[in-house]
Amino acid sequence: MIKFDISQVMATLDSLTAKQKAGLTLFGDTLGKKMANEAKKNKPWENRTSHAMQSIDSYTAWEKNTLIIGVTGGMDYSPFLEFAHEKKYAVLYPTILDNKEAFIKGAKLITG
């Protein structure tokens, strides 16, 4: 799980209005799905069974006052694809990093 520190975007999430929180949640869902689709499209490995690609999914959740947006691989060998062979087959973490600025920009627009 990767968490973004968006303290530069807003001083505190305690002050979010219900509308802002709902907007951030919707934005997180949309960005998460976009990242999952990008990861599926840009996977650096060759599909043999396509199970690893099909298991890539996203999630959005609030943990206290922290918005968590994640992309995950659902196969038992997904961590192997991300971390073995000098990360040659990694796709989840690089996809998250590629979308970090889009998250920060979107969060700024929503929260003002």
PDB file of N, CA and C in Angstrom:
ATOM      1  N   MET A   1       0.845  -1.163   0.000  1.00  0.00           N
ATOM      2  CA  MET A   1       0.000   0.000   0.000  1.00  0.00           C
ATOM      3  C   MET A   1       0.898   1.236   0.000  1.00  0.00           C
ATOM      4  N   ILE A   2       0.591   2.180  -0.847  1.00  0.00           N
ATOM      5  CA  ILE A   2       1.327   3.429  -0.953  1.00  0.00           C
ATOM      6  C   ILE A   2       0.412   4.537  -0.458  1.00  0.00           C
ATOM      7  N   LYS A   3       0.926   5.382   0.416  1.00  0.00           N
ATOM      8  CA  LYS A   3       0.152   6.519   0.915  1.00  0.00           C
ATOM      9  C   LYS A   3       0.855   7.798   0.473  1.00  0.00           C
ATOM     10  N   PHE A   4       0.075   8.743  -0.024  1.00  0.00           N
ATOM     11  CA  PHE A   4       0.621  10.032  -0.397  1.00  0.00           C
ATOM     12  C   PHE A   4       0.461  10.995   0.766  1.00  0.00           C
ATOM     13  N   ASP A   5       1.480  11.721   1.081  1.00  0.00           N
ATOM     14  CA  ASP A   5       1.385  12.774   2.086  1.00  0.00           C
ATOM     15  C   ASP A   5       0.949  14.033   1.355  1.00  0.00           C
ATOM     16  N   ILE A   6      -0.279  14.446   1.580  1.00  0.00           N
ATOM     17  CA  ILE A   6      -0.785  15.624   0.874  1.00  0.00           C
ATOM     18  C   ILE A   6      -0.852  16.827   1.803  1.00  0.00           C
ATOM     19  N   SER A   7       0.045  16.863   2.782  1.00  0.00           N
ATOM     20  CA  SER A   7       0.055  17.994   3.713  1.00  0.00           C
ATOM     21  C   SER A   7       0.312  19.298   2.985  1.00  0.00           C
ATOM     22  N   GLN A   8       1.034  19.222   1.858  1.00  0.00           N
ATOM     23  CA  GLN A   8       1.266  20.435   1.079  1.00  0.00           C
ATOM     24  C   GLN A   8      -0.008  20.904   0.388  1.00  0.00           C
ATOM     25  N   VAL A   9      -0.978  20.019   0.226  1.00  0.00           N
ATOM     26  CA  VAL A   9      -2.224  20.378  -0.440  1.00  0.00           C
ATOM     27  C   VAL A   9      -3.176  21.081   0.519  1.00  0.00           C
ATOM     28  N   MET A  10      -3.252  20.589   1.737  1.00  0.00           N
ATOM     29  CA  MET A  10      -4.142  21.184   2.731  1.00  0.00           C
ATOM     30  C   MET A  10      -3.547  21.042   4.119  1.00  0.00           C
ATOM     31  N   ALA A  11      -3.793  22.001   4.941  1.00  0.00           N
ATOM     32  CA  ALA A  11      -3.194  22.012   6.280  1.00  0.00           C
ATOM     33  C   ALA A  11      -3.687  20.827   7.096  1.00  0.00           C
ATOM     34  N   THR A  12      -4.953  20.537   7.066  1.00  0.00           N
ATOM     35  CA  THR A  12      -5.468  19.405   7.829  1.00  0.00           C
ATOM     36  C   THR A  12      -6.732  18.869   7.185  1.00  0.00           C
ATOM     37  N   LEU A  13      -6.873  17.558   7.206  1.00  0.00           N
ATOM     38  CA  LEU A  13      -8.072  16.949   6.639  1.00  0.00           C
ATOM     39  C   LEU A  13      -9.256  17.043   7.592  1.00  0.00           C
ATOM     40  N   ASP A  14      -9.002  17.448   8.842  1.00  0.00           N
ATOM     41  CA  ASP A  14     -10.087  17.619   9.804  1.00  0.00           C
ATOM     42  C   ASP A  14     -11.066  18.697   9.354  1.00  0.00           C
ATOM     43  N   SER A  15     -10.567  19.666   8.591  1.00  0.00           N
ATOM     44  CA  SER A  15     -11.398  20.799   8.207  1.00  0.00           C
ATOM     45  C   SER A  15     -12.170  20.563   6.907  1.00  0.00           C
ATOM     46  N   LEU A  16     -12.101  19.378   6.349  1.00  0.00           N
ATOM     47  CA  LEU A  16     -12.823  19.107   5.110  1.00  0.00           C
ATOM     48  C   LEU A  16     -14.323  19.127   5.330  1.00  0.00           C
ATOM     49  N   THR A  17     -15.023  19.697   4.384  1.00  0.00           N
ATOM     50  CA  THR A  17     -16.472  19.643   4.419  1.00  0.00           C
ATOM     51  C   THR A  17     -16.913  18.279   3.896  1.00  0.00           C
ATOM     52  N   ALA A  18     -18.140  17.933   4.123  1.00  0.00           N
ATOM     53  CA  ALA A  18     -18.673  16.656   3.628  1.00  0.00           C
ATOM     54  C   ALA A  18     -18.597  16.609   2.103  1.00  0.00           C
ATOM     55  N   LYS A  19     -18.854  17.757   1.451  1.00  0.00           N
ATOM     56  CA  LYS A  19     -18.782  17.816  -0.014  1.00  0.00           C
ATOM     57  C   LYS A  19     -17.354  17.585  -0.505  1.00  0.00           C
ATOM     58  N   GLN A  20     -16.380  18.192   0.166  1.00  0.00           N
ATOM     59  CA  GLN A  20     -14.984  18.025  -0.224  1.00  0.00           C
ATOM     60  C   GLN A  20     -14.542  16.571  -0.042  1.00  0.00           C
ATOM     61  N   LYS A  21     -14.958  15.972   1.063  1.00  0.00           N
ATOM     62  CA  LYS A  21     -14.592  14.587   1.321  1.00  0.00           C
ATOM     63  C   LYS A  21     -15.218  13.660   0.273  1.00  0.00           C
ATOM     64  N   ALA A  22     -16.479  13.922  -0.061  1.00  0.00           N
ATOM     65  CA  ALA A  22     -17.149  13.129  -1.096  1.00  0.00           C
ATOM     66  C   ALA A  22     -16.459  13.322  -2.444  1.00  0.00           C
ATOM     67  N   GLY A  23     -16.077  14.568  -2.739  1.00  0.00           N
ATOM     68  CA  GLY A  23     -15.371  14.854  -3.987  1.00  0.00           C
ATOM     69  C   GLY A  23     -14.025  14.150  -4.056  1.00  0.00           C
ATOM     70  N   LEU A  24     -13.288  14.167  -2.940  1.00  0.00           N
ATOM     71  CA  LEU A  24     -12.006  13.481  -2.896  1.00  0.00           C
ATOM     72  C   LEU A  24     -12.170  11.970  -3.055  1.00  0.00           C
ATOM     73  N   THR A  25     -13.225  11.426  -2.451  1.00  0.00           N
ATOM     74  CA  THR A  25     -13.486   9.991  -2.569  1.00  0.00           C
ATOM     75  C   THR A  25     -13.784   9.613  -4.013  1.00  0.00           C
ATOM     76  N   LEU A  26     -14.642  10.386  -4.659  1.00  0.00           N
ATOM     77  CA  LEU A  26     -14.974  10.133  -6.061  1.00  0.00           C
ATOM     78  C   LEU A  26     -13.731  10.277  -6.938  1.00  0.00           C
ATOM     79  N   PHE A  27     -12.968  11.318  -6.693  1.00  0.00           N
ATOM     80  CA  PHE A  27     -11.729  11.527  -7.441  1.00  0.00           C
ATOM     81  C   PHE A  27     -10.768  10.360  -7.215  1.00  0.00           C
ATOM     82  N   GLY A  28     -10.665   9.891  -5.970  1.00  0.00           N
ATOM     83  CA  GLY A  28      -9.800   8.751  -5.657  1.00  0.00           C
ATOM     84  C   GLY A  28     -10.231   7.490  -6.385  1.00  0.00           C
ATOM     85  N   ASP A  29     -11.550   7.243  -6.418  1.00  0.00           N
ATOM     86  CA  ASP A  29     -12.074   6.081  -7.151  1.00  0.00           C
ATOM     87  C   ASP A  29     -11.712   6.160  -8.626  1.00  0.00           C
ATOM     88  N   THR A  30     -11.912   7.338  -9.201  1.00  0.00           N
ATOM     89  CA  THR A  30     -11.632   7.535 -10.624  1.00  0.00           C
ATOM     90  C   THR A  30     -10.149   7.383 -10.922  1.00  0.00           C
ATOM     91  N   LEU A  31      -9.308   8.016 -10.112  1.00  0.00           N
ATOM     92  CA  LEU A  31      -7.866   7.917 -10.315  1.00  0.00           C
ATOM     93  C   LEU A  31      -7.386   6.483 -10.105  1.00  0.00           C
ATOM     94  N   GLY A  32      -7.930   5.795  -9.111  1.00  0.00           N
ATOM     95  CA  GLY A  32      -7.548   4.405  -8.861  1.00  0.00           C
ATOM     96  C   GLY A  32      -7.865   3.510 -10.052  1.00  0.00           C
ATOM     97  N   LYS A  33      -9.059   3.677 -10.618  1.00  0.00           N
ATOM     98  CA  LYS A  33      -9.442   2.882 -11.789  1.00  0.00           C
ATOM     99  C   LYS A  33      -8.551   3.210 -12.984  1.00  0.00           C
ATOM    100  N   LYS A  34      -8.218   4.482 -13.137  1.00  0.00           N
ATOM    101  CA  LYS A  34      -7.315   4.897 -14.217  1.00  0.00           C
ATOM    102  C   LYS A  34      -5.954   4.228 -14.042  1.00  0.00           C
ATOM    103  N   MET A  35      -5.447   4.215 -12.807  1.00  0.00           N
ATOM    104  CA  MET A  35      -4.142   3.605 -12.555  1.00  0.00           C
ATOM    105  C   MET A  35      -4.187   2.099 -12.798  1.00  0.00           C
ATOM    106  N   ALA A  36      -5.274   1.438 -12.404  1.00  0.00           N
ATOM    107  CA  ALA A  36      -5.398  -0.004 -12.644  1.00  0.00           C
ATOM    108  C   ALA A  36      -5.394  -0.290 -14.146  1.00  0.00           C
ATOM    109  N   ASN A  37      -6.116   0.519 -14.920  1.00  0.00           N
ATOM    110  CA  ASN A  37      -6.136   0.338 -16.374  1.00  0.00           C
ATOM    111  C   ASN A  37      -4.765   0.587 -16.987  1.00  0.00           C
ATOM    112  N   GLU A  38      -4.068   1.614 -16.516  1.00  0.00           N
ATOM    113  CA  GLU A  38      -2.714   1.888 -17.008  1.00  0.00           C
ATOM    114  C   GLU A  38      -1.777   0.728 -16.695  1.00  0.00           C
ATOM    115  N   ALA A  39      -1.881   0.198 -15.491  1.00  0.00           N
ATOM    116  CA  ALA A  39      -1.017  -0.919 -15.086  1.00  0.00           C
ATOM    117  C   ALA A  39      -1.276  -2.142 -15.968  1.00  0.00           C
ATOM    118  N   LYS A  40      -2.542  -2.412 -16.244  1.00  0.00           N
ATOM    119  CA  LYS A  40      -2.874  -3.544 -17.117  1.00  0.00           C
ATOM    120  C   LYS A  40      -2.314  -3.334 -18.522  1.00  0.00           C
ATOM    121  N   LYS A  41      -2.417  -2.121 -19.004  1.00  0.00           N
ATOM    122  CA  LYS A  41      -1.954  -1.807 -20.359  1.00  0.00           C
ATOM    123  C   LYS A  41      -0.429  -1.823 -20.451  1.00  0.00           C
ATOM    124  N   ASN A  42       0.257  -1.335 -19.415  1.00  0.00           N
ATOM    125  CA  ASN A  42       1.706  -1.153 -19.464  1.00  0.00           C
ATOM    126  C   ASN A  42       2.502  -2.256 -18.776  1.00  0.00           C
ATOM    127  N   LYS A  43       1.867  -3.372 -18.482  1.00  0.00           N
ATOM    128  CA  LYS A  43       2.582  -4.452 -17.799  1.00  0.00           C
ATOM    129  C   LYS A  43       3.821  -4.847 -18.594  1.00  0.00           C
ATOM    130  N   PRO A  44       4.959  -5.005 -17.911  1.00  0.00           N
ATOM    131  CA  PRO A  44       6.196  -5.317 -18.632  1.00  0.00           C
ATOM    132  C   PRO A  44       6.428  -6.813 -18.829  1.00  0.00           C
ATOM    133  N   TRP A  45       5.510  -7.642 -18.376  1.00  0.00           N
ATOM    134  CA  TRP A  45       5.701  -9.077 -18.541  1.00  0.00           C
ATOM    135  C   TRP A  45       4.823  -9.588 -19.670  1.00  0.00           C
ATOM    136  N   GLU A  46       5.149 -10.783 -20.140  1.00  0.00           N
ATOM    137  CA  GLU A  46       4.368 -11.436 -21.187  1.00  0.00           C
ATOM    138  C   GLU A  46       3.255 -12.237 -20.522  1.00  0.00           C
ATOM    139  N   ASN A  47       2.043 -12.051 -20.992  1.00  0.00           N
ATOM    140  CA  ASN A  47       0.920 -12.810 -20.443  1.00  0.00           C
ATOM    141  C   ASN A  47       1.052 -14.276 -20.820  1.00  0.00           C
ATOM    142  N   ARG A  48       0.909 -15.126 -19.830  1.00  0.00           N
ATOM    143  CA  ARG A  48       0.850 -16.563 -20.099  1.00  0.00           C
ATOM    144  C   ARG A  48      -0.579 -17.044 -19.858  1.00  0.00           C
ATOM    145  N   THR A  49      -1.111 -16.693 -18.696  1.00  0.00           N
ATOM    146  CA  THR A  49      -2.487 -17.083 -18.375  1.00  0.00           C
ATOM    147  C   THR A  49      -3.403 -15.867 -18.307  1.00  0.00           C
ATOM    148  N   SER A  50      -2.858 -14.685 -18.255  1.00  0.00           N
ATOM    149  CA  SER A  50      -3.527 -13.386 -18.093  1.00  0.00           C
ATOM    150  C   SER A  50      -4.157 -13.214 -16.708  1.00  0.00           C
ATOM    151  N   HIS A  51      -3.909 -14.144 -15.792  1.00  0.00           N
ATOM    152  CA  HIS A  51      -4.469 -14.020 -14.444  1.00  0.00           C
ATOM    153  C   HIS A  51      -3.899 -12.815 -13.702  1.00  0.00           C
ATOM    154  N   ALA A  52      -2.592 -12.601 -13.798  1.00  0.00           N
ATOM    155  CA  ALA A  52      -1.973 -11.475 -13.092  1.00  0.00           C
ATOM    156  C   ALA A  52      -2.551 -10.153 -13.580  1.00  0.00           C
ATOM    157  N   MET A  53      -2.691 -10.019 -14.876  1.00  0.00           N
ATOM    158  CA  MET A  53      -3.228  -8.778 -15.434  1.00  0.00           C
ATOM    159  C   MET A  53      -4.688  -8.591 -15.023  1.00  0.00           C
ATOM    160  N   GLN A  54      -5.478  -9.652 -15.114  1.00  0.00           N
ATOM    161  CA  GLN A  54      -6.895  -9.557 -14.769  1.00  0.00           C
ATOM    162  C   GLN A  54      -7.115  -9.277 -13.280  1.00  0.00           C
ATOM    163  N   SER A  55      -6.144  -9.638 -12.455  1.00  0.00           N
ATOM    164  CA  SER A  55      -6.313  -9.444 -11.008  1.00  0.00           C
ATOM    165  C   SER A  55      -5.934  -8.038 -10.538  1.00  0.00           C
ATOM    166  N   ILE A  56      -5.364  -7.226 -11.423  1.00  0.00           N
ATOM    167  CA  ILE A  56      -5.003  -5.857 -11.040  1.00  0.00           C
ATOM    168  C   ILE A  56      -6.290  -5.080 -10.788  1.00  0.00           C
ATOM    169  N   ASP A  57      -6.343  -4.444  -9.625  1.00  0.00           N
ATOM    170  CA  ASP A  57      -7.543  -3.716  -9.236  1.00  0.00           C
ATOM    171  C   ASP A  57      -7.143  -2.498  -8.406  1.00  0.00           C
ATOM    172  N   SER A  58      -8.087  -1.637  -8.158  1.00  0.00           N
ATOM    173  CA  SER A  58      -7.824  -0.444  -7.353  1.00  0.00           C
ATOM    174  C   SER A  58      -8.764  -0.407  -6.166  1.00  0.00           C
ATOM    175  N   TYR A  59      -8.418   0.428  -5.207  1.00  0.00           N
ATOM    176  CA  TYR A  59      -9.284   0.628  -4.055  1.00  0.00           C
ATOM    177  C   TYR A  59      -9.082   2.032  -3.520  1.00  0.00           C
ATOM    178  N   THR A  60     -10.120   2.546  -2.894  1.00  0.00           N
ATOM    179  CA  THR A  60     -10.095   3.861  -2.264  1.00  0.00           C
ATOM    180  C   THR A  60     -10.771   3.729  -0.910  1.00  0.00           C
ATOM    181  N   ALA A  61     -10.132   4.268   0.115  1.00  0.00           N
ATOM    182  CA  ALA A  61     -10.709   4.181   1.456  1.00  0.00           C
ATOM    183  C   ALA A  61     -10.207   5.344   2.300  1.00  0.00           C
ATOM    184  N   TRP A  62     -10.984   5.679   3.302  1.00  0.00           N
ATOM    185  CA  TRP A  62     -10.564   6.671   4.291  1.00  0.00           C
ATOM    186  C   TRP A  62     -10.127   5.927   5.533  1.00  0.00           C
ATOM    187  N   GLU A  63      -8.973   6.249   6.028  1.00  0.00           N
ATOM    188  CA  GLU A  63      -8.468   5.712   7.291  1.00  0.00           C
ATOM    189  C   GLU A  63      -8.256   6.905   8.198  1.00  0.00           C
ATOM    190  N   LYS A  64      -9.169   7.072   9.140  1.00  0.00           N
ATOM    191  CA  LYS A  64      -9.235   8.294   9.953  1.00  0.00           C
ATOM    192  C   LYS A  64      -9.397   9.464   8.994  1.00  0.00           C
ATOM    193  N   ASN A  65      -8.443  10.366   8.921  1.00  0.00           N
ATOM    194  CA  ASN A  65      -8.548  11.497   8.004  1.00  0.00           C
ATOM    195  C   ASN A  65      -7.537  11.409   6.877  1.00  0.00           C
ATOM    196  N   THR A  66      -7.202  10.194   6.482  1.00  0.00           N
ATOM    197  CA  THR A  66      -6.242   9.987   5.398  1.00  0.00           C
ATOM    198  C   THR A  66      -6.925   9.235   4.267  1.00  0.00           C
ATOM    199  N   LEU A  67      -6.874   9.793   3.078  1.00  0.00           N
ATOM    200  CA  LEU A  67      -7.433   9.135   1.905  1.00  0.00           C
ATOM    201  C   LEU A  67      -6.383   8.178   1.353  1.00  0.00           C
ATOM    202  N   ILE A  68      -6.754   6.929   1.200  1.00  0.00           N
ATOM    203  CA  ILE A  68      -5.847   5.917   0.672  1.00  0.00           C
ATOM    204  C   ILE A  68      -6.362   5.485  -0.686  1.00  0.00           C
ATOM    205  N   ILE A  69      -5.507   5.618  -1.686  1.00  0.00           N
ATOM    206  CA  ILE A  69      -5.822   5.173  -3.037  1.00  0.00           C
ATOM    207  C   ILE A  69      -4.761   4.142  -3.386  1.00  0.00           C
ATOM    208  N   GLY A  70      -5.181   2.966  -3.771  1.00  0.00           N
ATOM    209  CA  GLY A  70      -4.206   1.929  -4.036  1.00  0.00           C
ATOM    210  C   GLY A  70      -4.486   1.158  -5.304  1.00  0.00           C
ATOM    211  N   VAL A  71      -3.442   0.503  -5.782  1.00  0.00           N
ATOM    212  CA  VAL A  71      -3.530  -0.413  -6.909  1.00  0.00           C
ATOM    213  C   VAL A  71      -2.887  -1.697  -6.436  1.00  0.00           C
ATOM    214  N   THR A  72      -3.535  -2.797  -6.677  1.00  0.00           N
ATOM    215  CA  THR A  72      -3.055  -4.063  -6.151  1.00  0.00           C
ATOM    216  C   THR A  72      -3.125  -5.160  -7.203  1.00  0.00           C
ATOM    217  N   GLY A  73      -2.257  -6.127  -7.056  1.00  0.00           N
ATOM    218  CA  GLY A  73      -2.297  -7.338  -7.860  1.00  0.00           C
ATOM    219  C   GLY A  73      -2.856  -8.447  -6.999  1.00  0.00           C
ATOM    220  N   GLY A  74      -3.801  -9.190  -7.496  1.00  0.00           N
ATOM    221  CA  GLY A  74      -4.510 -10.157  -6.677  1.00  0.00           C
ATOM    222  C   GLY A  74      -4.006 -11.589  -6.723  1.00  0.00           C
ATOM    223  N   MET A  75      -2.910 -11.841  -7.391  1.00  0.00           N
ATOM    224  CA  MET A  75      -2.390 -13.205  -7.453  1.00  0.00           C
ATOM    225  C   MET A  75      -1.354 -13.416  -6.356  1.00  0.00           C
ATOM    226  N   ASP A  76      -1.196 -14.659  -5.934  1.00  0.00           N
ATOM    227  CA  ASP A  76      -0.222 -14.925  -4.877  1.00  0.00           C
ATOM    228  C   ASP A  76       1.201 -14.620  -5.332  1.00  0.00           C
ATOM    229  N   TYR A  77       1.434 -14.580  -6.636  1.00  0.00           N
ATOM    230  CA  TYR A  77       2.762 -14.270  -7.156  1.00  0.00           C
ATOM    231  C   TYR A  77       2.907 -12.803  -7.578  1.00  0.00           C
ATOM    232  N   SER A  78       1.895 -11.970  -7.324  1.00  0.00           N
ATOM    233  CA  SER A  78       1.988 -10.549  -7.672  1.00  0.00           C
ATOM    234  C   SER A  78       3.173  -9.850  -6.998  1.00  0.00           C
ATOM    235  N   PRO A  79       3.453 -10.114  -5.708  1.00  0.00           N
ATOM    236  CA  PRO A  79       4.639  -9.488  -5.102  1.00  0.00           C
ATOM    237  C   PRO A  79       5.937  -9.888  -5.810  1.00  0.00           C
ATOM    238  N   PHE A  80       5.997 -11.106  -6.299  1.00  0.00           N
ATOM    239  CA  PHE A  80       7.170 -11.568  -7.045  1.00  0.00           C
ATOM    240  C   PHE A  80       7.357 -10.718  -8.305  1.00  0.00           C
ATOM    241  N   LEU A  81       6.253 -10.447  -9.010  1.00  0.00           N
ATOM    242  CA  LEU A  81       6.338  -9.622 -10.215  1.00  0.00           C
ATOM    243  C   LEU A  81       6.827  -8.209  -9.888  1.00  0.00           C
ATOM    244  N   GLU A  82       6.429  -7.689  -8.741  1.00  0.00           N
ATOM    245  CA  GLU A  82       6.812  -6.324  -8.362  1.00  0.00           C
ATOM    246  C   GLU A  82       8.236  -6.220  -7.835  1.00  0.00           C
ATOM    247  N   PHE A  83       8.699  -7.222  -7.119  1.00  0.00           N
ATOM    248  CA  PHE A  83       9.955  -7.065  -6.380  1.00  0.00           C
ATOM    249  C   PHE A  83      11.106  -7.962  -6.817  1.00  0.00           C
ATOM    250  N   ALA A  84      10.854  -9.027  -7.536  1.00  0.00           N
ATOM    251  CA  ALA A  84      11.933  -9.929  -7.945  1.00  0.00           C
ATOM    252  C   ALA A  84      12.593  -9.428  -9.236  1.00  0.00           C
ATOM    253  N   HIS A  85      13.664 -10.057  -9.604  1.00  0.00           N
ATOM    254  CA  HIS A  85      14.387  -9.746 -10.842  1.00  0.00           C
ATOM    255  C   HIS A  85      14.697  -8.252 -10.969  1.00  0.00           C
ATOM    256  N   GLU A  86      15.194  -7.687  -9.868  1.00  0.00           N
ATOM    257  CA  GLU A  86      15.558  -6.266  -9.819  1.00  0.00           C
ATOM    258  C   GLU A  86      14.410  -5.360 -10.261  1.00  0.00           C
ATOM    259  N   LYS A  87      13.189  -5.776  -9.915  1.00  0.00           N
ATOM    260  CA  LYS A  87      11.950  -5.030 -10.204  1.00  0.00           C
ATOM    261  C   LYS A  87      11.710  -4.829 -11.698  1.00  0.00           C
ATOM    262  N   LYS A  88      12.252  -5.737 -12.489  1.00  0.00           N
ATOM    263  CA  LYS A  88      12.112  -5.679 -13.947  1.00  0.00           C
ATOM    264  C   LYS A  88      10.646  -5.751 -14.396  1.00  0.00           C
ATOM    265  N   TYR A  89       9.816  -6.456 -13.621  1.00  0.00           N
ATOM    266  CA  TYR A  89       8.415  -6.635 -14.004  1.00  0.00           C
ATOM    267  C   TYR A  89       7.458  -5.779 -13.176  1.00  0.00           C
ATOM    268  N   ALA A  90       7.990  -4.853 -12.418  1.00  0.00           N
ATOM    269  CA  ALA A  90       7.152  -3.984 -11.579  1.00  0.00           C
ATOM    270  C   ALA A  90       6.276  -3.096 -12.455  1.00  0.00           C
ATOM    271  N   VAL A  91       5.030  -2.985 -12.079  1.00  0.00           N
ATOM    272  CA  VAL A  91       4.118  -2.102 -12.802  1.00  0.00           C
ATOM    273  C   VAL A  91       3.237  -1.301 -11.842  1.00  0.00           C
ATOM    274  N   LEU A  92       2.928  -1.840 -10.673  1.00  0.00           N
ATOM    275  CA  LEU A  92       2.003  -1.155  -9.761  1.00  0.00           C
ATOM    276  C   LEU A  92       2.623   0.103  -9.170  1.00  0.00           C
ATOM    277  N   TYR A  93       3.774  -0.038  -8.540  1.00  0.00           N
ATOM    278  CA  TYR A  93       4.423   1.113  -7.911  1.00  0.00           C
ATOM    279  C   TYR A  93       4.808   2.184  -8.941  1.00  0.00           C
ATOM    280  N   PRO A  94       5.405   1.810 -10.074  1.00  0.00           N
ATOM    281  CA  PRO A  94       5.705   2.848 -11.081  1.00  0.00           C
ATOM    282  C   PRO A  94       4.451   3.582 -11.574  1.00  0.00           C
ATOM    283  N   THR A  95       3.344   2.870 -11.675  1.00  0.00           N
ATOM    284  CA  THR A  95       2.093   3.511 -12.113  1.00  0.00           C
ATOM    285  C   THR A  95       1.618   4.515 -11.073  1.00  0.00           C
ATOM    286  N   ILE A  96       1.729   4.160  -9.806  1.00  0.00           N
ATOM    287  CA  ILE A  96       1.349   5.084  -8.737  1.00  0.00           C
ATOM    288  C   ILE A  96       2.222   6.331  -8.775  1.00  0.00           C
ATOM    289  N   LEU A  97       3.520   6.136  -8.928  1.00  0.00           N
ATOM    290  CA  LEU A  97       4.434   7.285  -8.991  1.00  0.00           C
ATOM    291  C   LEU A  97       4.129   8.181 -10.182  1.00  0.00           C
ATOM    292  N   ASP A  98       3.777   7.568 -11.314  1.00  0.00           N
ATOM    293  CA  ASP A  98       3.447   8.346 -12.510  1.00  0.00           C
ATOM    294  C   ASP A  98       2.203   9.208 -12.322  1.00  0.00           C
ATOM    295  N   ASN A  99       1.337   8.832 -11.398  1.00  0.00           N
ATOM    296  CA  ASN A  99       0.076   9.546 -11.188  1.00  0.00           C
ATOM    297  C   ASN A  99       0.067  10.417  -9.941  1.00  0.00           C
ATOM    298  N   LYS A 100       1.182  10.522  -9.276  1.00  0.00           N
ATOM    299  CA  LYS A 100       1.268  11.294  -8.035  1.00  0.00           C
ATOM    300  C   LYS A 100       0.901  12.765  -8.256  1.00  0.00           C
ATOM    301  N   GLU A 101       1.452  13.372  -9.282  1.00  0.00           N
ATOM    302  CA  GLU A 101       1.173  14.789  -9.558  1.00  0.00           C
ATOM    303  C   GLU A 101      -0.292  15.009  -9.937  1.00  0.00           C
ATOM    304  N   ALA A 102      -0.879  14.063 -10.657  1.00  0.00           N
ATOM    305  CA  ALA A 102      -2.295  14.184 -11.017  1.00  0.00           C
ATOM    306  C   ALA A 102      -3.153  14.172  -9.755  1.00  0.00           C
ATOM    307  N   PHE A 103      -2.778  13.354  -8.788  1.00  0.00           N
ATOM    308  CA  PHE A 103      -3.525  13.320  -7.521  1.00  0.00           C
ATOM    309  C   PHE A 103      -3.419  14.660  -6.806  1.00  0.00           C
ATOM    310  N   ILE A 104      -2.209  15.175  -6.696  1.00  0.00           N
ATOM    311  CA  ILE A 104      -1.996  16.432  -5.976  1.00  0.00           C
ATOM    312  C   ILE A 104      -2.772  17.576  -6.660  1.00  0.00           C
ATOM    313  N   LYS A 105      -2.724  17.634  -7.985  1.00  0.00           N
ATOM    314  CA  LYS A 105      -3.451  18.661  -8.729  1.00  0.00           C
ATOM    315  C   LYS A 105      -4.963  18.545  -8.491  1.00  0.00           C
ATOM    316  N   GLY A 106      -5.486  17.332  -8.594  1.00  0.00           N
ATOM    317  CA  GLY A 106      -6.919  17.112  -8.404  1.00  0.00           C
ATOM    318  C   GLY A 106      -7.368  17.438  -6.993  1.00  0.00           C
ATOM    319  N   ALA A 107      -6.549  17.050  -6.008  1.00  0.00           N
ATOM    320  CA  ALA A 107      -6.895  17.334  -4.617  1.00  0.00           C
ATOM    321  C   ALA A 107      -6.912  18.840  -4.350  1.00  0.00           C
ATOM    322  N   LYS A 108      -5.990  19.565  -4.958  1.00  0.00           N
ATOM    323  CA  LYS A 108      -5.977  21.021  -4.815  1.00  0.00           C
ATOM    324  C   LYS A 108      -7.233  21.650  -5.386  1.00  0.00           C
ATOM    325  N   LEU A 109      -7.673  21.161  -6.554  1.00  0.00           N
ATOM    326  CA  LEU A 109      -8.889  21.697  -7.184  1.00  0.00           C
ATOM    327  C   LEU A 109     -10.116  21.439  -6.320  1.00  0.00           C
ATOM    328  N   ILE A 110     -10.195  20.268  -5.730  1.00  0.00           N
ATOM    329  CA  ILE A 110     -11.372  19.898  -4.941  1.00  0.00           C
ATOM    330  C   ILE A 110     -11.423  20.654  -3.618  1.00  0.00           C
ATOM    331  N   THR A 111     -10.262  20.802  -2.987  1.00  0.00           N
ATOM    332  CA  THR A 111     -10.236  21.405  -1.655  1.00  0.00           C
ATOM    333  C   THR A 111     -10.057  22.919  -1.677  1.00  0.00           C
ATOM    334  N   GLY A 112      -9.779  23.449  -2.843  1.00  0.00           N
ATOM    335  CA  GLY A 112      -9.653  24.898  -2.960  1.00  0.00           C
ATOM    336  C   GLY A 112      -8.311  25.315  -2.623  1.00  0.00           C
TER     337      GLY A 112
END
